N, C-alpha and C. Protein backbone atom coordinates (compact mmCIF):
# COMPACT_ATOMS: atom_id res chain seq x y z
N MET A 1 -50.07 113.10 102.05
CA MET A 1 -49.08 113.95 101.87
C MET A 1 -47.63 113.80 101.90
N SER A 2 -46.75 114.12 101.34
CA SER A 2 -45.59 113.90 101.77
C SER A 2 -44.91 114.96 102.56
N GLY A 3 -43.48 114.46 103.45
CA GLY A 3 -43.14 115.51 104.19
C GLY A 3 -42.26 116.88 103.82
N ILE A 4 -42.19 116.82 102.22
CA ILE A 4 -41.54 117.76 101.53
C ILE A 4 -42.18 119.06 101.70
N GLN A 5 -41.51 120.11 102.20
CA GLN A 5 -41.75 121.49 102.27
C GLN A 5 -41.62 122.37 100.84
N PHE A 6 -42.71 122.72 100.71
CA PHE A 6 -42.54 123.71 99.13
C PHE A 6 -42.82 125.27 99.81
N GLY A 7 -42.03 126.36 99.36
CA GLY A 7 -42.11 127.39 99.81
C GLY A 7 -43.20 128.27 98.54
N SER A 8 -43.45 129.52 98.50
CA SER A 8 -44.57 129.66 97.65
C SER A 8 -43.84 130.31 96.27
N SER A 9 -42.62 130.22 96.29
CA SER A 9 -41.98 130.24 94.70
C SER A 9 -42.00 129.28 94.33
N GLU A 10 -42.25 127.84 94.85
CA GLU A 10 -42.05 126.95 94.25
C GLU A 10 -43.44 125.88 93.83
N GLN A 11 -44.38 126.50 93.73
CA GLN A 11 -45.59 125.98 93.47
C GLN A 11 -45.69 125.57 92.16
N ALA A 12 -45.18 125.71 91.31
CA ALA A 12 -44.98 125.27 90.01
C ALA A 12 -44.38 123.82 90.26
N PHE A 13 -43.24 123.79 90.90
CA PHE A 13 -42.55 122.64 91.07
C PHE A 13 -43.37 121.49 91.94
N LYS A 14 -44.31 121.92 93.00
CA LYS A 14 -45.13 121.31 93.53
C LYS A 14 -45.99 120.87 92.83
N ALA A 15 -46.54 121.24 91.85
CA ALA A 15 -47.57 120.56 90.79
C ALA A 15 -47.00 119.60 90.09
N ILE A 16 -45.81 120.09 89.66
CA ILE A 16 -45.14 118.59 88.87
C ILE A 16 -44.91 117.47 89.91
N TYR A 17 -44.43 117.73 91.18
CA TYR A 17 -43.92 116.73 92.00
C TYR A 17 -45.27 115.84 92.18
N ASP A 18 -46.47 116.53 92.73
CA ASP A 18 -47.79 115.87 92.60
C ASP A 18 -47.93 115.02 91.56
N THR A 19 -48.12 115.47 90.53
CA THR A 19 -48.64 114.68 89.02
C THR A 19 -47.81 113.77 89.09
N MET A 20 -46.39 113.86 89.04
CA MET A 20 -45.43 112.55 88.98
C MET A 20 -45.96 111.60 90.06
N GLN A 21 -46.25 111.97 91.17
CA GLN A 21 -46.64 111.11 92.43
C GLN A 21 -47.67 110.10 92.07
N GLN A 22 -48.74 110.76 91.23
CA GLN A 22 -49.93 109.97 90.70
C GLN A 22 -49.66 109.37 89.70
N LEU A 23 -48.51 109.72 88.66
CA LEU A 23 -48.49 109.28 87.72
C LEU A 23 -47.51 107.72 87.69
N THR A 24 -46.92 107.94 88.98
CA THR A 24 -45.99 106.65 89.21
C THR A 24 -46.57 106.02 90.68
N ALA A 25 -47.94 106.03 90.83
CA ALA A 25 -48.59 105.33 91.78
C ALA A 25 -48.32 103.97 91.39
N VAL A 26 -48.18 103.00 92.46
CA VAL A 26 -48.06 101.36 92.09
C VAL A 26 -49.42 100.71 92.60
N PRO A 27 -50.01 99.94 91.93
CA PRO A 27 -51.31 99.13 92.08
C PRO A 27 -51.01 98.69 93.67
N PRO A 28 -52.30 98.37 94.15
CA PRO A 28 -52.50 97.86 95.31
C PRO A 28 -51.66 96.32 95.59
N ASN A 29 -51.15 96.15 96.66
CA ASN A 29 -50.28 95.02 96.65
C ASN A 29 -49.23 94.51 95.83
N LYS A 30 -48.80 95.71 95.07
CA LYS A 30 -47.28 95.76 94.06
C LYS A 30 -46.36 96.53 94.74
N LYS A 31 -45.09 96.38 94.33
CA LYS A 31 -44.00 97.24 94.46
C LYS A 31 -43.19 97.12 93.39
N ILE A 32 -42.40 97.94 93.25
CA ILE A 32 -41.38 98.31 91.90
C ILE A 32 -39.94 97.77 92.33
N THR A 33 -39.67 96.55 91.72
CA THR A 33 -38.32 95.95 91.74
C THR A 33 -37.52 96.16 90.80
N LYS A 34 -38.00 96.77 89.60
CA LYS A 34 -37.21 96.71 88.45
C LYS A 34 -37.64 97.97 87.59
N LEU A 35 -36.61 98.80 87.26
CA LEU A 35 -36.87 99.73 85.90
C LEU A 35 -36.06 99.40 84.60
N ALA A 36 -36.80 99.83 83.61
CA ALA A 36 -36.32 99.35 82.36
C ALA A 36 -36.34 100.66 81.42
N PHE A 37 -35.13 100.97 80.70
CA PHE A 37 -35.32 102.28 80.15
C PHE A 37 -35.08 102.33 78.47
N THR A 38 -35.69 103.16 77.80
CA THR A 38 -35.37 103.04 76.23
C THR A 38 -34.98 104.40 76.05
N TRP A 39 -34.24 104.61 75.12
CA TRP A 39 -33.66 106.10 74.78
C TRP A 39 -34.04 106.45 73.34
N THR A 40 -34.26 107.84 72.91
CA THR A 40 -34.23 108.25 71.40
C THR A 40 -32.85 108.05 71.26
N VAL A 41 -32.81 108.15 69.83
CA VAL A 41 -31.39 108.65 68.92
C VAL A 41 -30.63 109.59 69.41
N GLY A 42 -31.25 110.79 69.79
CA GLY A 42 -30.59 112.06 70.34
C GLY A 42 -30.15 111.67 71.80
N GLY A 43 -30.57 110.61 72.31
CA GLY A 43 -30.08 110.49 73.86
C GLY A 43 -31.32 110.91 74.98
N SER A 44 -32.01 111.09 74.80
CA SER A 44 -33.28 111.36 75.75
C SER A 44 -34.03 110.19 76.10
N VAL A 45 -34.33 110.20 77.13
CA VAL A 45 -35.41 108.91 77.73
C VAL A 45 -36.55 109.00 76.91
N GLU A 46 -36.95 107.63 76.35
CA GLU A 46 -38.14 107.39 75.71
C GLU A 46 -39.07 106.84 76.23
N THR A 47 -38.78 105.83 77.19
CA THR A 47 -39.84 105.03 78.07
C THR A 47 -39.08 104.84 79.42
N ILE A 48 -39.97 104.67 80.15
CA ILE A 48 -39.41 103.76 81.44
C ILE A 48 -40.41 103.07 81.68
N LYS A 49 -40.13 101.63 81.89
CA LYS A 49 -41.22 100.77 82.24
C LYS A 49 -40.72 100.14 83.71
N PHE A 50 -41.74 100.11 84.58
CA PHE A 50 -41.89 99.76 85.66
C PHE A 50 -42.38 98.25 86.35
N TYR A 51 -41.50 97.46 86.69
CA TYR A 51 -41.99 96.15 87.27
C TYR A 51 -41.86 95.86 88.45
N ASP A 52 -42.79 94.69 88.74
CA ASP A 52 -42.96 94.01 90.06
C ASP A 52 -42.27 92.49 89.74
N VAL A 53 -40.84 92.31 89.92
CA VAL A 53 -40.24 91.12 89.42
C VAL A 53 -40.49 91.17 87.95
N ALA A 54 -41.13 90.20 87.36
CA ALA A 54 -41.07 90.17 85.87
C ALA A 54 -42.73 90.38 85.40
N GLU A 55 -43.44 91.20 86.15
CA GLU A 55 -44.68 91.82 85.65
C GLU A 55 -44.81 93.24 85.77
N LEU A 56 -44.82 93.60 84.15
CA LEU A 56 -44.88 95.01 83.96
C LEU A 56 -45.94 95.54 84.52
N LEU A 57 -45.80 96.56 85.43
CA LEU A 57 -46.85 97.30 85.91
C LEU A 57 -47.40 98.51 85.39
N PHE A 58 -46.29 99.35 84.77
CA PHE A 58 -47.11 100.35 83.80
C PHE A 58 -45.54 100.87 83.09
N THR A 59 -45.87 101.85 82.16
CA THR A 59 -44.76 102.20 81.05
C THR A 59 -45.29 103.78 81.21
N LEU A 60 -43.99 104.77 81.42
CA LEU A 60 -44.06 106.15 81.35
C LEU A 60 -43.55 106.23 80.00
N THR A 61 -44.18 106.84 78.95
CA THR A 61 -43.59 107.31 77.60
C THR A 61 -43.43 108.88 77.75
N PHE A 62 -42.20 109.42 77.24
CA PHE A 62 -41.61 110.77 77.19
C PHE A 62 -42.09 111.28 75.91
N THR A 63 -42.44 112.24 75.54
CA THR A 63 -42.35 113.13 73.94
C THR A 63 -41.68 114.27 74.20
N TRP A 64 -40.69 114.57 73.09
CA TRP A 64 -40.03 115.62 73.44
C TRP A 64 -40.33 116.84 72.12
N ASN A 65 -40.09 118.13 72.77
CA ASN A 65 -40.16 119.25 71.64
C ASN A 65 -38.90 119.31 70.65
N ALA A 66 -38.84 119.95 69.52
CA ALA A 66 -37.82 119.99 68.76
C ALA A 66 -36.68 120.52 69.30
N ASP A 67 -36.93 121.37 70.26
CA ASP A 67 -35.46 122.25 71.05
C ASP A 67 -35.07 121.26 71.95
N GLY A 68 -35.80 120.32 72.07
CA GLY A 68 -35.02 119.07 73.11
C GLY A 68 -35.85 119.38 74.40
N THR A 69 -36.99 120.02 74.87
CA THR A 69 -37.30 119.97 76.37
C THR A 69 -38.51 119.34 75.94
N LEU A 70 -38.96 118.79 77.23
CA LEU A 70 -40.07 117.91 77.70
C LEU A 70 -41.25 118.14 77.12
N LYS A 71 -42.00 117.86 76.34
CA LYS A 71 -43.40 117.93 75.98
C LYS A 71 -44.44 117.47 76.62
N GLU A 72 -44.26 116.05 76.96
CA GLU A 72 -45.46 115.51 77.70
C GLU A 72 -44.93 113.90 78.21
N VAL A 73 -45.62 113.67 79.25
CA VAL A 73 -45.37 112.17 79.85
C VAL A 73 -46.65 111.28 80.04
N VAL A 74 -46.81 110.42 79.28
CA VAL A 74 -48.14 109.53 79.40
C VAL A 74 -47.78 108.18 79.98
N ARG A 75 -48.87 107.73 80.65
CA ARG A 75 -48.76 106.61 81.60
C ARG A 75 -49.55 105.57 80.63
N SER A 76 -49.07 104.31 80.68
CA SER A 76 -50.00 103.39 79.88
C SER A 76 -49.84 102.09 80.68
């Protein structure tokens, strides 16, 4: 559990924070040393690749709605 305090009106943000913590969990004995980004033509982040030196640990892929709001994030 993190030391961040969340008020009752911030429960939705806490749920997002907790999910992002799980999505970005690093495999045992690994550490993130580099991030690499790709962007959509419209300027939104499309992927973030997480590396331990040259070893790709995982990728987050972002999907956007037509109105520019974030639709989903998938880890692969």
